[in-house]
Amino acid sequence: MFRPVLTAGAAVALMAAASFAPSSASSEGVPPPDRVVIDVVAVNGSGCPAGTAAVAVAPDNTAFTVTYSKYLAQVGVGARPTDFRKNCQLGLNVHVPQGFTYAVAKADYRGFAHLESGASGMERASYYFQGMSHTTSVSHRFTGPYSDDWQTTDETGGADIVYAPCGVSRILNVNTELRVGAGTSDPAATTSFMAMDSTDGSVSTIYHFAWKECP
């Protein structure tokens, strides 16, 4: 079972093949042959308390995953007033072999949701490079009644893909958020929730790399 602990400043180059689905065609270019290493330099947010998130790089350098174990937004019975919204911001220093640069071309988010009739949920994500104004942000909404696994995909293609500058170290900021609203449901008698977590390491957020060679 793959359950590495994420700690700020720790070098993460974990080759846990079981954490990754087969590579998709969304990754552009040929990945570098040498190992990619990710340093986690910042971890903030109510959705990822210390020790509850993990990062791993795919063995073929096509993607990396983030796995959470305490990422749950909820309203209703048993929920605190602040539990309706959870978020997580990760600062990642992606070390790539010389002569290459990368972008995030696609991101797959997964979890489980139980929304009572009249309740709603939302998953939002954005990622951007430190010092660069371009931010990719996408929201997905869910409405009750709903009680099932959920999955969303954010994809960027062609000229819209933003690569890290060649030869310059830039932190990749990855921000995610979950929100749940009671709406017309009865929060005094029911509970609605939306989770992006896993107890066994099998449910992960997958970020697919796009690669290109630097001039």
C-alpha atoms as a PDB file:
ATOM      1  CA  MET A   1       0.000   0.000   0.000  1.00  0.00           C
ATOM      2  CA  PHE A   2       1.415   3.370  -1.041  1.00  0.00           C
ATOM      3  CA  ARG A   3       0.997   5.940   1.722  1.00  0.00           C
ATOM      4  CA  PRO A   4       4.000   8.335   1.656  1.00  0.00           C
ATOM      5  CA  VAL A   5       3.723  11.412   3.868  1.00  0.00           C
ATOM      6  CA  LEU A   6       4.010  14.832   2.299  1.00  0.00           C
ATOM      7  CA  THR A   7       6.256  17.228   4.203  1.00  0.00           C
ATOM      8  CA  ALA A   8       7.416  20.674   3.131  1.00  0.00           C
ATOM      9  CA  GLY A   9      10.890  20.581   1.648  1.00  0.00           C
ATOM     10  CA  ALA A  10      10.942  16.810   1.169  1.00  0.00           C
ATOM     11  CA  ALA A  11      12.125  15.550  -2.202  1.00  0.00           C
ATOM     12  CA  VAL A  12       9.444  13.342  -3.683  1.00  0.00           C
ATOM     13  CA  ALA A  13      10.498  10.946  -6.423  1.00  0.00           C
ATOM     14  CA  LEU A  14       8.330   7.974  -5.593  1.00  0.00           C
ATOM     15  CA  MET A  15       7.855   5.329  -8.224  1.00  0.00           C
ATOM     16  CA  ALA A  16       4.560   3.800  -7.119  1.00  0.00           C
ATOM     17  CA  ALA A  17       3.191   2.399 -10.344  1.00  0.00           C
ATOM     18  CA  ALA A  18      -0.062   1.303  -8.679  1.00  0.00           C
ATOM     19  CA  SER A  19      -1.004   4.954  -8.122  1.00  0.00           C
ATOM     20  CA  PHE A  20      -1.223   5.689 -11.835  1.00  0.00           C
ATOM     21  CA  ALA A  21      -3.633   4.787 -14.564  1.00  0.00           C
ATOM     22  CA  PRO A  22      -2.136   3.960 -17.959  1.00  0.00           C
ATOM     23  CA  SER A  23      -0.666   7.003 -19.690  1.00  0.00           C
ATOM     24  CA  SER A  24      -3.112   8.863 -21.919  1.00  0.00           C
ATOM     25  CA  ALA A  25      -2.499  10.705 -25.163  1.00  0.00           C
ATOM     26  CA  SER A  26      -2.976  14.051 -23.419  1.00  0.00           C
ATOM     27  CA  SER A  27       0.722  14.353 -22.602  1.00  0.00           C
ATOM     28  CA  GLU A  28       2.494  16.189 -25.408  1.00  0.00           C
ATOM     29  CA  GLY A  29       6.029  15.671 -26.596  1.00  0.00           C
ATOM     30  CA  VAL A  30       8.426  12.973 -25.460  1.00  0.00           C
ATOM     31  CA  PRO A  31       9.090  12.891 -21.677  1.00  0.00           C
ATOM     32  CA  PRO A  32      12.708  13.178 -20.562  1.00  0.00           C
ATOM     33  CA  PRO A  33      14.381   9.814 -19.929  1.00  0.00           C
ATOM     34  CA  ASP A  34      15.945  10.850 -16.612  1.00  0.00           C
ATOM     35  CA  ARG A  35      14.097  10.938 -13.313  1.00  0.00           C
ATOM     36  CA  VAL A  36      11.831  13.871 -12.474  1.00  0.00           C
ATOM     37  CA  VAL A  37      11.902  14.966  -8.813  1.00  0.00           C
ATOM     38  CA  ILE A  38       9.294  17.100  -7.045  1.00  0.00           C
ATOM     39  CA  ASP A  39      10.121  19.090  -3.910  1.00  0.00           C
ATOM     40  CA  VAL A  40       7.083  20.106  -1.859  1.00  0.00           C
ATOM     41  CA  VAL A  41       7.923  23.591  -0.631  1.00  0.00           C
ATOM     42  CA  ALA A  42       4.521  24.726   0.705  1.00  0.00           C
ATOM     43  CA  VAL A  43       1.385  23.043   2.047  1.00  0.00           C
ATOM     44  CA  ASN A  44      -1.552  25.191   3.155  1.00  0.00           C
ATOM     45  CA  GLY A  45      -5.274  24.754   3.602  1.00  0.00           C
ATOM     46  CA  SER A  46      -8.021  23.098   5.601  1.00  0.00           C
ATOM     47  CA  GLY A  47      -8.263  20.253   3.087  1.00  0.00           C
ATOM     48  CA  CYS A  48      -4.676  19.091   3.582  1.00  0.00           C
ATOM     49  CA  PRO A  49      -3.596  19.228   7.244  1.00  0.00           C
ATOM     50  CA  ALA A  50       0.007  18.217   7.896  1.00  0.00           C
ATOM     51  CA  GLY A  51       0.672  14.604   6.999  1.00  0.00           C
ATOM     52  CA  THR A  52      -2.559  14.035   5.056  1.00  0.00           C
ATOM     53  CA  ALA A  53      -1.387  14.495   1.461  1.00  0.00           C
ATOM     54  CA  ALA A  54       1.168  12.708  -0.694  1.00  0.00           C
ATOM     55  CA  VAL A  55       2.840  13.381  -4.054  1.00  0.00           C
ATOM     56  CA  ALA A  56       4.313  10.826  -6.456  1.00  0.00           C
ATOM     57  CA  VAL A  57       5.818  10.950  -9.948  1.00  0.00           C
ATOM     58  CA  ALA A  58       4.820   8.429 -12.600  1.00  0.00           C
ATOM     59  CA  PRO A  59       7.616   6.007 -13.527  1.00  0.00           C
ATOM     60  CA  ASP A  60       7.458   7.153 -17.171  1.00  0.00           C
ATOM     61  CA  ASN A  61       7.452  10.906 -16.283  1.00  0.00           C
ATOM     62  CA  THR A  62       4.090  11.469 -17.964  1.00  0.00           C
ATOM     63  CA  ALA A  63       2.251  12.618 -14.823  1.00  0.00           C
ATOM     64  CA  PHE A  64       2.300  13.109 -11.078  1.00  0.00           C
ATOM     65  CA  THR A  65      -0.373  12.400  -8.503  1.00  0.00           C
ATOM     66  CA  VAL A  66      -1.578  14.052  -5.319  1.00  0.00           C
ATOM     67  CA  THR A  67      -3.382  11.795  -2.834  1.00  0.00           C
ATOM     68  CA  TYR A  68      -5.357  13.210   0.119  1.00  0.00           C
ATOM     69  CA  SER A  69      -6.681  11.480   3.239  1.00  0.00           C
ATOM     70  CA  LYS A  70      -8.590  14.291   5.042  1.00  0.00           C
ATOM     71  CA  TYR A  71     -10.129  16.321   2.231  1.00  0.00           C
ATOM     72  CA  LEU A  72     -13.853  16.507   3.061  1.00  0.00           C
ATOM     73  CA  ALA A  73     -16.375  19.356   2.855  1.00  0.00           C
ATOM     74  CA  GLN A  74     -19.769  18.858   4.467  1.00  0.00           C
ATOM     75  CA  VAL A  75     -22.906  20.509   5.804  1.00  0.00           C
ATOM     76  CA  GLY A  76     -25.631  19.273   8.127  1.00  0.00           C
ATOM     77  CA  VAL A  77     -25.619  16.840  11.035  1.00  0.00           C
ATOM     78  CA  GLY A  78     -22.129  16.491  12.531  1.00  0.00           C
ATOM     79  CA  ALA A  79     -20.594  19.297  10.469  1.00  0.00           C
ATOM     80  CA  ARG A  80     -19.015  22.431  11.900  1.00  0.00           C
ATOM     81  CA  PRO A  81     -19.996  25.835  10.424  1.00  0.00           C
ATOM     82  CA  THR A  82     -16.633  26.083   8.637  1.00  0.00           C
ATOM     83  CA  ASP A  83     -16.785  22.586   7.122  1.00  0.00           C
ATOM     84  CA  PHE A  84     -18.817  23.663   4.094  1.00  0.00           C
ATOM     85  CA  ARG A  85     -15.597  24.747   2.347  1.00  0.00           C
ATOM     86  CA  LYS A  86     -12.208  23.025   2.277  1.00  0.00           C
ATOM     87  CA  ASN A  87      -9.189  23.996   0.226  1.00  0.00           C
ATOM     88  CA  CYS A  88      -5.578  23.041  -0.340  1.00  0.00           C
ATOM     89  CA  GLN A  89      -2.665  24.942  -1.871  1.00  0.00           C
ATOM     90  CA  LEU A  90       0.528  23.103  -2.752  1.00  0.00           C
ATOM     91  CA  GLY A  91       3.769  24.738  -3.844  1.00  0.00           C
ATOM     92  CA  LEU A  92       5.773  22.282  -5.938  1.00  0.00           C
ATOM     93  CA  ASN A  93       9.314  22.670  -7.216  1.00  0.00           C
ATOM     94  CA  VAL A  94       9.467  20.337 -10.200  1.00  0.00           C
ATOM     95  CA  HIS A  95      13.056  19.457 -11.046  1.00  0.00           C
ATOM     96  CA  VAL A  96      13.296  18.404 -14.697  1.00  0.00           C
ATOM     97  CA  PRO A  97      16.327  17.121 -16.585  1.00  0.00           C
ATOM     98  CA  GLN A  98      18.434  19.721 -18.349  1.00  0.00           C
ATOM     99  CA  GLY A  99      17.163  20.702 -21.768  1.00  0.00           C
ATOM    100  CA  PHE A 100      13.468  20.122 -21.028  1.00  0.00           C
ATOM    101  CA  THR A 101      10.533  22.149 -19.776  1.00  0.00           C
ATOM    102  CA  TYR A 102       6.980  21.158 -18.855  1.00  0.00           C
ATOM    103  CA  ALA A 103       3.384  22.267 -18.493  1.00  0.00           C
ATOM    104  CA  VAL A 104       0.228  20.768 -16.984  1.00  0.00           C
ATOM    105  CA  ALA A 105      -1.871  19.739 -19.981  1.00  0.00           C
ATOM    106  CA  LYS A 106      -4.612  17.841 -18.165  1.00  0.00           C
ATOM    107  CA  ALA A 107      -5.806  17.190 -14.619  1.00  0.00           C
ATOM    108  CA  ASP A 108      -8.142  14.455 -13.394  1.00  0.00           C
ATOM    109  CA  TYR A 109      -9.897  14.958 -10.050  1.00  0.00           C
ATOM    110  CA  ARG A 110     -11.743  12.150  -8.243  1.00  0.00           C
ATOM    111  CA  GLY A 111     -13.683  11.533  -5.061  1.00  0.00           C
ATOM    112  CA  PHE A 112     -17.026  10.578  -3.575  1.00  0.00           C
ATOM    113  CA  ALA A 113     -20.060  12.748  -2.903  1.00  0.00           C
ATOM    114  CA  HIS A 114     -23.344  12.342  -1.057  1.00  0.00           C
ATOM    115  CA  LEU A 115     -25.687  15.250  -1.713  1.00  0.00           C
ATOM    116  CA  GLU A 116     -29.216  15.267  -0.377  1.00  0.00           C
ATOM    117  CA  SER A 117     -32.031  16.450  -2.613  1.00  0.00           C
ATOM    118  CA  GLY A 118     -31.750  20.235  -2.816  1.00  0.00           C
ATOM    119  CA  ALA A 119     -28.059  20.321  -1.801  1.00  0.00           C
ATOM    120  CA  SER A 120     -25.167  21.179  -4.107  1.00  0.00           C
ATOM    121  CA  GLY A 121     -21.437  20.643  -4.359  1.00  0.00           C
ATOM    122  CA  MET A 122     -18.572  22.249  -6.245  1.00  0.00           C
ATOM    123  CA  GLU A 123     -14.993  21.300  -7.098  1.00  0.00           C
ATOM    124  CA  ARG A 124     -12.655  24.061  -8.254  1.00  0.00           C
ATOM    125  CA  ALA A 125      -9.016  23.877  -9.250  1.00  0.00           C
ATOM    126  CA  SER A 126      -6.328  26.179 -10.567  1.00  0.00           C
ATOM    127  CA  TYR A 127      -2.613  25.986 -11.174  1.00  0.00           C
ATOM    128  CA  TYR A 128      -0.025  28.551 -12.175  1.00  0.00           C
ATOM    129  CA  PHE A 129       3.706  29.158 -12.168  1.00  0.00           C
ATOM    130  CA  GLN A 130       5.209  31.532  -9.617  1.00  0.00           C
ATOM    131  CA  GLY A 131       5.689  35.011 -11.068  1.00  0.00           C
ATOM    132  CA  MET A 132       3.525  34.389 -14.132  1.00  0.00           C
ATOM    133  CA  SER A 133       0.159  36.096 -14.542  1.00  0.00           C
ATOM    134  CA  HIS A 134      -1.590  33.283 -16.434  1.00  0.00           C
ATOM    135  CA  THR A 135      -3.822  31.164 -14.185  1.00  0.00           C
ATOM    136  CA  THR A 136      -5.939  28.249 -15.330  1.00  0.00           C
ATOM    137  CA  SER A 137      -9.040  27.897 -13.137  1.00  0.00           C
ATOM    138  CA  VAL A 138     -12.022  25.608 -13.740  1.00  0.00           C
ATOM    139  CA  SER A 139     -15.110  24.842 -11.610  1.00  0.00           C
ATOM    140  CA  HIS A 140     -17.434  21.825 -11.726  1.00  0.00           C
ATOM    141  CA  ARG A 141     -20.823  21.749  -9.991  1.00  0.00           C
ATOM    142  CA  PHE A 142     -22.956  18.875  -8.720  1.00  0.00           C
ATOM    143  CA  THR A 143     -26.567  18.823  -7.575  1.00  0.00           C
ATOM    144  CA  GLY A 144     -28.447  16.467  -5.292  1.00  0.00           C
ATOM    145  CA  PRO A 145     -29.782  13.934  -5.012  1.00  0.00           C
ATOM    146  CA  TYR A 146     -26.381  12.376  -5.716  1.00  0.00           C
ATOM    147  CA  SER A 147     -24.525   9.572  -3.952  1.00  0.00           C
ATOM    148  CA  ASP A 148     -21.685   8.133  -6.002  1.00  0.00           C
ATOM    149  CA  ASP A 149     -18.079   8.494  -7.067  1.00  0.00           C
ATOM    150  CA  TRP A 150     -17.364  11.663  -9.006  1.00  0.00           C
ATOM    151  CA  GLN A 151     -14.680  12.559 -11.515  1.00  0.00           C
ATOM    152  CA  THR A 152     -13.871  15.768 -13.372  1.00  0.00           C
ATOM    153  CA  THR A 153     -11.241  16.530 -16.003  1.00  0.00           C
ATOM    154  CA  ASP A 154      -9.659  19.874 -16.848  1.00  0.00           C
ATOM    155  CA  GLU A 155      -7.750  19.902 -20.117  1.00  0.00           C
ATOM    156  CA  THR A 156      -5.693  22.555 -21.884  1.00  0.00           C
ATOM    157  CA  GLY A 157      -4.595  22.125 -25.458  1.00  0.00           C
ATOM    158  CA  GLY A 158      -2.633  23.681 -28.268  1.00  0.00           C
ATOM    159  CA  ALA A 159      -1.560  27.288 -27.947  1.00  0.00           C
ATOM    160  CA  ASP A 160      -3.263  27.634 -24.543  1.00  0.00           C
ATOM    161  CA  ILE A 161      -0.720  25.408 -22.795  1.00  0.00           C
ATOM    162  CA  VAL A 162       1.611  27.487 -20.600  1.00  0.00           C
ATOM    163  CA  TYR A 163       5.083  26.029 -20.115  1.00  0.00           C
ATOM    164  CA  ALA A 164       7.548  26.816 -17.370  1.00  0.00           C
ATOM    165  CA  PRO A 165      10.327  29.100 -18.650  1.00  0.00           C
ATOM    166  CA  CYS A 166      13.395  27.243 -19.861  1.00  0.00           C
ATOM    167  CA  GLY A 167      16.391  27.460 -17.563  1.00  0.00           C
ATOM    168  CA  VAL A 168      14.458  29.190 -14.762  1.00  0.00           C
ATOM    169  CA  SER A 169      13.218  27.598 -11.548  1.00  0.00           C
ATOM    170  CA  ARG A 170       9.544  28.473 -10.966  1.00  0.00           C
ATOM    171  CA  ILE A 171       7.296  27.035  -8.270  1.00  0.00           C
ATOM    172  CA  LEU A 172       4.150  25.336  -9.591  1.00  0.00           C
ATOM    173  CA  ASN A 173       1.200  26.364  -7.405  1.00  0.00           C
ATOM    174  CA  VAL A 174      -1.684  23.880  -7.354  1.00  0.00           C
ATOM    175  CA  ASN A 175      -4.900  25.082  -5.701  1.00  0.00           C
ATOM    176  CA  THR A 176      -8.033  23.005  -5.139  1.00  0.00           C
ATOM    177  CA  GLU A 177     -11.307  23.660  -3.356  1.00  0.00           C
ATOM    178  CA  LEU A 178     -14.446  21.758  -2.374  1.00  0.00           C
ATOM    179  CA  ARG A 179     -17.724  23.437  -1.349  1.00  0.00           C
ATOM    180  CA  VAL A 180     -21.047  22.002  -0.249  1.00  0.00           C
ATOM    181  CA  GLY A 181     -24.274  23.963   0.188  1.00  0.00           C
ATOM    182  CA  ALA A 182     -27.390  22.739   1.988  1.00  0.00           C
ATOM    183  CA  GLY A 183     -29.704  24.580  -0.387  1.00  0.00           C
ATOM    184  CA  THR A 184     -33.272  23.456   0.179  1.00  0.00           C
ATOM    185  CA  SER A 185     -32.245  20.282   2.044  1.00  0.00           C
ATOM    186  CA  ASP A 186     -32.700  20.086   5.814  1.00  0.00           C
ATOM    187  CA  PRO A 187     -29.265  20.439   7.493  1.00  0.00           C
ATOM    188  CA  ALA A 188     -30.815  19.704  10.875  1.00  0.00           C
ATOM    189  CA  ALA A 189     -31.766  16.192   9.811  1.00  0.00           C
ATOM    190  CA  THR A 190     -29.364  15.273   6.988  1.00  0.00           C
ATOM    191  CA  THR A 191     -25.703  15.490   6.023  1.00  0.00           C
ATOM    192  CA  SER A 192     -24.342  16.285   2.586  1.00  0.00           C
ATOM    193  CA  PHE A 193     -20.656  15.988   1.793  1.00  0.00           C
ATOM    194  CA  MET A 194     -18.097  15.967  -0.974  1.00  0.00           C
ATOM    195  CA  ALA A 195     -14.713  14.293  -0.564  1.00  0.00           C
ATOM    196  CA  MET A 196     -11.480  14.248  -2.520  1.00  0.00           C
ATOM    197  CA  ASP A 197      -9.709  11.780  -0.299  1.00  0.00           C
ATOM    198  CA  SER A 198      -8.741   8.130  -0.085  1.00  0.00           C
ATOM    199  CA  THR A 199      -8.183   5.752   2.796  1.00  0.00           C
ATOM    200  CA  ASP A 200      -6.208   3.224   0.761  1.00  0.00           C
ATOM    201  CA  GLY A 201      -4.201   5.372  -1.674  1.00  0.00           C
ATOM    202  CA  SER A 202      -6.269   4.241  -4.667  1.00  0.00           C
ATOM    203  CA  VAL A 203      -7.969   7.583  -5.375  1.00  0.00           C
ATOM    204  CA  SER A 204      -5.601  10.290  -6.542  1.00  0.00           C
ATOM    205  CA  THR A 205      -5.648  13.554  -8.425  1.00  0.00           C
ATOM    206  CA  ILE A 206      -3.587  13.053 -11.579  1.00  0.00           C
ATOM    207  CA  TYR A 207      -1.756  15.905 -13.308  1.00  0.00           C
ATOM    208  CA  HIS A 208      -0.601  15.022 -16.814  1.00  0.00           C
ATOM    209  CA  PHE A 209       2.595  16.638 -18.057  1.00  0.00           C
ATOM    210  CA  ALA A 210       3.171  18.166 -21.473  1.00  0.00           C
ATOM    211  CA  TRP A 211       6.872  18.189 -22.361  1.00  0.00           C
ATOM    212  CA  LYS A 212       9.041  20.033 -24.843  1.00  0.00           C
ATOM    213  CA  GLU A 213      12.739  20.458 -25.400  1.00  0.00           C
ATOM    214  CA  CYS A 214      14.282  23.839 -24.712  1.00  0.00           C
ATOM    215  CA  PRO A 215      16.083  25.610 -27.559  1.00  0.00           C
END
